[in-house]
Amino acid sequence: MAGRIRDRLAMHYGSRAVYMDVDDIPFGTDFRRHINSALNEGDVVIAVIGPKWIGGVRGRKARIFDETDPVRVEIETHCSGESP
């Protein structure tokens, strides 16, 4: 679903104007620094998350409670407006 949203936005605004973490984070880079830079450059953030991220999966803690979860890091970085 997130890919389809990205594709529609890219059709309207152009590919260079739309950032998607799974496609645009170079291998071997510091994730937190890169995502902070990307979030600071944008005007709008759309976070698409699935039900397994908010709710636990059979005895495991929900990902929202994992401080190292990449999605949580991105959302916290955006909401705080601070460098990680």
N, C-alpha and C. Protein backbone atom coordinates (compact mmCIF):
# COMPACT_ATOMS: atom_id res chain seq x y z
N MET A 1 0.82 -1.18 0.00
CA MET A 1 0.00 0.00 0.00
C MET A 1 0.88 1.26 0.00
N ALA A 2 1.91 1.26 0.81
CA ALA A 2 2.79 2.44 0.87
C ALA A 2 3.44 2.71 -0.48
N GLY A 3 3.82 1.66 -1.17
CA GLY A 3 4.42 1.81 -2.50
C GLY A 3 3.46 2.44 -3.50
N ARG A 4 2.20 2.07 -3.41
CA ARG A 4 1.20 2.65 -4.31
C ARG A 4 0.97 4.12 -4.01
N ILE A 5 0.97 4.46 -2.73
CA ILE A 5 0.82 5.87 -2.35
C ILE A 5 2.02 6.66 -2.87
N ARG A 6 3.20 6.10 -2.70
CA ARG A 6 4.42 6.75 -3.19
C ARG A 6 4.35 6.95 -4.69
N ASP A 7 3.93 5.93 -5.43
CA ASP A 7 3.86 6.03 -6.88
C ASP A 7 2.89 7.12 -7.34
N ARG A 8 1.75 7.22 -6.67
CA ARG A 8 0.77 8.26 -7.03
C ARG A 8 1.31 9.65 -6.74
N LEU A 9 1.98 9.81 -5.61
CA LEU A 9 2.58 11.10 -5.28
C LEU A 9 3.68 11.45 -6.29
N ALA A 10 4.48 10.47 -6.67
CA ALA A 10 5.55 10.69 -7.64
C ALA A 10 4.98 11.06 -9.01
N MET A 11 3.86 10.47 -9.39
CA MET A 11 3.22 10.82 -10.66
C MET A 11 2.80 12.30 -10.65
N HIS A 12 2.34 12.75 -9.52
CA HIS A 12 1.85 14.13 -9.42
C HIS A 12 2.99 15.15 -9.22
N TYR A 13 3.92 14.83 -8.30
CA TYR A 13 4.96 15.79 -7.93
C TYR A 13 6.33 15.51 -8.56
N GLY A 14 6.50 14.32 -9.13
CA GLY A 14 7.79 13.91 -9.68
C GLY A 14 8.55 13.05 -8.69
N SER A 15 9.30 12.10 -9.21
CA SER A 15 10.02 11.14 -8.36
C SER A 15 11.01 11.79 -7.41
N ARG A 16 11.64 12.87 -7.86
CA ARG A 16 12.65 13.53 -7.02
C ARG A 16 12.04 14.24 -5.82
N ALA A 17 10.73 14.49 -5.88
CA ALA A 17 10.06 15.21 -4.79
C ALA A 17 9.49 14.27 -3.73
N VAL A 18 9.58 12.97 -3.97
CA VAL A 18 8.98 11.99 -3.05
C VAL A 18 10.08 11.08 -2.51
N TYR A 19 10.17 11.01 -1.19
CA TYR A 19 11.19 10.19 -0.52
C TYR A 19 10.50 9.01 0.15
N MET A 20 11.05 7.83 -0.05
CA MET A 20 10.53 6.64 0.62
C MET A 20 11.70 5.89 1.24
N ASP A 21 11.67 5.76 2.54
CA ASP A 21 12.83 5.23 3.27
C ASP A 21 13.36 3.92 2.72
N VAL A 22 12.51 2.95 2.46
CA VAL A 22 13.00 1.64 2.03
C VAL A 22 13.70 1.69 0.68
N ASP A 23 13.40 2.70 -0.12
CA ASP A 23 14.02 2.83 -1.44
C ASP A 23 15.19 3.80 -1.45
N ASP A 24 15.19 4.76 -0.55
CA ASP A 24 16.11 5.89 -0.67
C ASP A 24 17.21 5.97 0.37
N ILE A 25 17.31 5.02 1.29
CA ILE A 25 18.40 5.04 2.26
C ILE A 25 19.56 4.21 1.70
N PRO A 26 20.69 4.85 1.42
CA PRO A 26 21.83 4.12 0.86
C PRO A 26 22.38 3.09 1.86
N PHE A 27 22.84 1.97 1.35
CA PHE A 27 23.44 0.94 2.20
C PHE A 27 24.68 1.49 2.88
N GLY A 28 24.85 1.12 4.15
CA GLY A 28 26.04 1.49 4.89
C GLY A 28 26.03 2.87 5.49
N THR A 29 24.92 3.60 5.36
CA THR A 29 24.86 4.94 5.95
C THR A 29 24.29 4.86 7.36
N ASP A 30 24.55 5.87 8.13
CA ASP A 30 24.00 5.97 9.48
C ASP A 30 22.51 6.28 9.33
N PHE A 31 21.67 5.31 9.67
CA PHE A 31 20.22 5.43 9.48
C PHE A 31 19.67 6.68 10.14
N ARG A 32 20.02 6.89 11.40
CA ARG A 32 19.46 8.03 12.14
C ARG A 32 19.85 9.37 11.52
N ARG A 33 21.09 9.52 11.13
CA ARG A 33 21.51 10.78 10.50
C ARG A 33 20.82 10.97 9.16
N HIS A 34 20.76 9.92 8.38
CA HIS A 34 20.15 10.03 7.05
C HIS A 34 18.67 10.38 7.15
N ILE A 35 17.95 9.68 8.01
CA ILE A 35 16.51 9.92 8.12
C ILE A 35 16.26 11.31 8.69
N ASN A 36 17.09 11.77 9.61
CA ASN A 36 16.95 13.12 10.14
C ASN A 36 17.11 14.16 9.03
N SER A 37 18.11 13.97 8.20
CA SER A 37 18.33 14.89 7.09
C SER A 37 17.15 14.88 6.13
N ALA A 38 16.67 13.69 5.78
CA ALA A 38 15.55 13.57 4.85
C ALA A 38 14.29 14.21 5.42
N LEU A 39 14.03 13.99 6.69
CA LEU A 39 12.83 14.56 7.31
C LEU A 39 12.91 16.08 7.41
N ASN A 40 14.10 16.62 7.61
CA ASN A 40 14.27 18.06 7.70
C ASN A 40 14.13 18.75 6.35
N GLU A 41 14.40 18.03 5.27
CA GLU A 41 14.31 18.60 3.93
C GLU A 41 12.87 18.65 3.41
N GLY A 42 12.00 17.81 3.94
CA GLY A 42 10.64 17.72 3.41
C GLY A 42 9.68 18.70 4.04
N ASP A 43 8.58 18.93 3.34
CA ASP A 43 7.52 19.79 3.85
C ASP A 43 6.39 19.00 4.49
N VAL A 44 6.22 17.76 4.07
CA VAL A 44 5.11 16.92 4.53
C VAL A 44 5.63 15.52 4.82
N VAL A 45 5.14 14.90 5.88
CA VAL A 45 5.48 13.52 6.20
C VAL A 45 4.20 12.71 6.24
N ILE A 46 4.19 11.61 5.51
CA ILE A 46 3.08 10.67 5.56
C ILE A 46 3.65 9.36 6.06
N ALA A 47 3.23 8.91 7.23
CA ALA A 47 3.71 7.66 7.80
C ALA A 47 2.63 6.60 7.61
N VAL A 48 2.97 5.55 6.88
CA VAL A 48 2.05 4.45 6.65
C VAL A 48 2.55 3.27 7.47
N ILE A 49 1.76 2.84 8.43
CA ILE A 49 2.15 1.73 9.29
C ILE A 49 1.06 0.66 9.26
N GLY A 50 1.46 -0.57 9.51
CA GLY A 50 0.51 -1.68 9.51
C GLY A 50 0.07 -2.04 10.92
N PRO A 51 -0.94 -2.89 11.02
CA PRO A 51 -1.49 -3.26 12.33
C PRO A 51 -0.50 -4.02 13.21
N LYS A 52 0.46 -4.72 12.64
CA LYS A 52 1.42 -5.47 13.44
C LYS A 52 2.40 -4.54 14.15
N TRP A 53 2.56 -3.33 13.65
CA TRP A 53 3.47 -2.38 14.28
C TRP A 53 2.88 -1.86 15.59
N ILE A 54 1.61 -1.61 15.62
CA ILE A 54 0.96 -1.08 16.82
C ILE A 54 0.59 -2.21 17.79
N GLY A 55 0.16 -3.35 17.27
CA GLY A 55 -0.26 -4.45 18.13
C GLY A 55 0.78 -5.55 18.17
N GLY A 56 0.85 -6.23 19.31
CA GLY A 56 1.80 -7.33 19.45
C GLY A 56 1.43 -8.52 18.59
N VAL A 57 2.41 -9.34 18.29
CA VAL A 57 2.20 -10.55 17.49
C VAL A 57 2.48 -11.75 18.38
N ARG A 58 1.47 -12.47 18.76
CA ARG A 58 1.57 -13.70 19.55
C ARG A 58 2.70 -13.73 20.57
N GLY A 59 2.49 -13.04 21.64
CA GLY A 59 3.45 -13.09 22.74
C GLY A 59 4.62 -12.15 22.62
N ARG A 60 4.76 -11.47 21.51
CA ARG A 60 5.87 -10.51 21.37
C ARG A 60 5.36 -9.10 21.61
N LYS A 61 6.26 -8.28 22.08
CA LYS A 61 5.95 -6.88 22.33
C LYS A 61 5.71 -6.18 21.00
N ALA A 62 4.74 -5.27 20.96
CA ALA A 62 4.47 -4.50 19.75
C ALA A 62 5.70 -3.67 19.39
N ARG A 63 5.94 -3.51 18.10
CA ARG A 63 7.12 -2.77 17.63
C ARG A 63 7.11 -1.31 18.08
N ILE A 64 5.95 -0.75 18.32
CA ILE A 64 5.86 0.64 18.76
C ILE A 64 6.62 0.85 20.08
N PHE A 65 6.77 -0.20 20.88
CA PHE A 65 7.45 -0.10 22.17
C PHE A 65 8.95 -0.36 22.08
N ASP A 66 9.44 -0.75 20.91
CA ASP A 66 10.86 -1.02 20.71
C ASP A 66 11.56 0.28 20.32
N GLU A 67 12.39 0.81 21.20
CA GLU A 67 13.05 2.09 20.96
C GLU A 67 13.99 2.07 19.76
N THR A 68 14.40 0.89 19.29
CA THR A 68 15.30 0.80 18.15
C THR A 68 14.58 0.49 16.85
N ASP A 69 13.27 0.34 16.89
CA ASP A 69 12.50 0.05 15.68
C ASP A 69 12.65 1.20 14.69
N PRO A 70 13.04 0.92 13.43
CA PRO A 70 13.26 1.99 12.46
C PRO A 70 12.04 2.90 12.22
N VAL A 71 10.86 2.34 12.22
CA VAL A 71 9.65 3.16 12.01
C VAL A 71 9.46 4.10 13.20
N ARG A 72 9.64 3.58 14.39
CA ARG A 72 9.52 4.43 15.58
C ARG A 72 10.56 5.55 15.55
N VAL A 73 11.79 5.20 15.17
CA VAL A 73 12.86 6.21 15.10
C VAL A 73 12.47 7.32 14.12
N GLU A 74 11.94 6.94 12.96
CA GLU A 74 11.54 7.95 11.97
C GLU A 74 10.45 8.87 12.52
N ILE A 75 9.43 8.29 13.10
CA ILE A 75 8.31 9.08 13.61
C ILE A 75 8.76 9.97 14.76
N GLU A 76 9.56 9.43 15.67
CA GLU A 76 10.07 10.24 16.78
C GLU A 76 10.95 11.37 16.29
N THR A 77 11.78 11.08 15.29
CA THR A 77 12.67 12.09 14.73
C THR A 77 11.85 13.23 14.14
N HIS A 78 10.83 12.88 13.40
CA HIS A 78 9.99 13.91 12.80
C HIS A 78 9.25 14.72 13.85
N CYS A 79 8.66 14.03 14.81
CA CYS A 79 7.85 14.70 15.83
C CYS A 79 8.68 15.58 16.76
N SER A 80 9.92 15.18 17.03
CA SER A 80 10.74 15.96 17.95
C SER A 80 11.40 17.13 17.26
N GLY A 81 11.64 16.97 15.95
CA GLY A 81 12.32 18.05 15.22
C GLY A 81 13.76 18.19 15.61
N GLU A 82 14.31 17.18 16.29
CA GLU A 82 15.69 17.23 16.77
C GLU A 82 16.52 16.17 16.08
N SER A 83 17.81 16.38 16.06
CA SER A 83 18.72 15.36 15.55
C SER A 83 18.80 14.23 16.56
N PRO A 84 18.83 12.97 16.07
CA PRO A 84 18.93 11.84 17.00
C PRO A 84 20.32 11.75 17.61
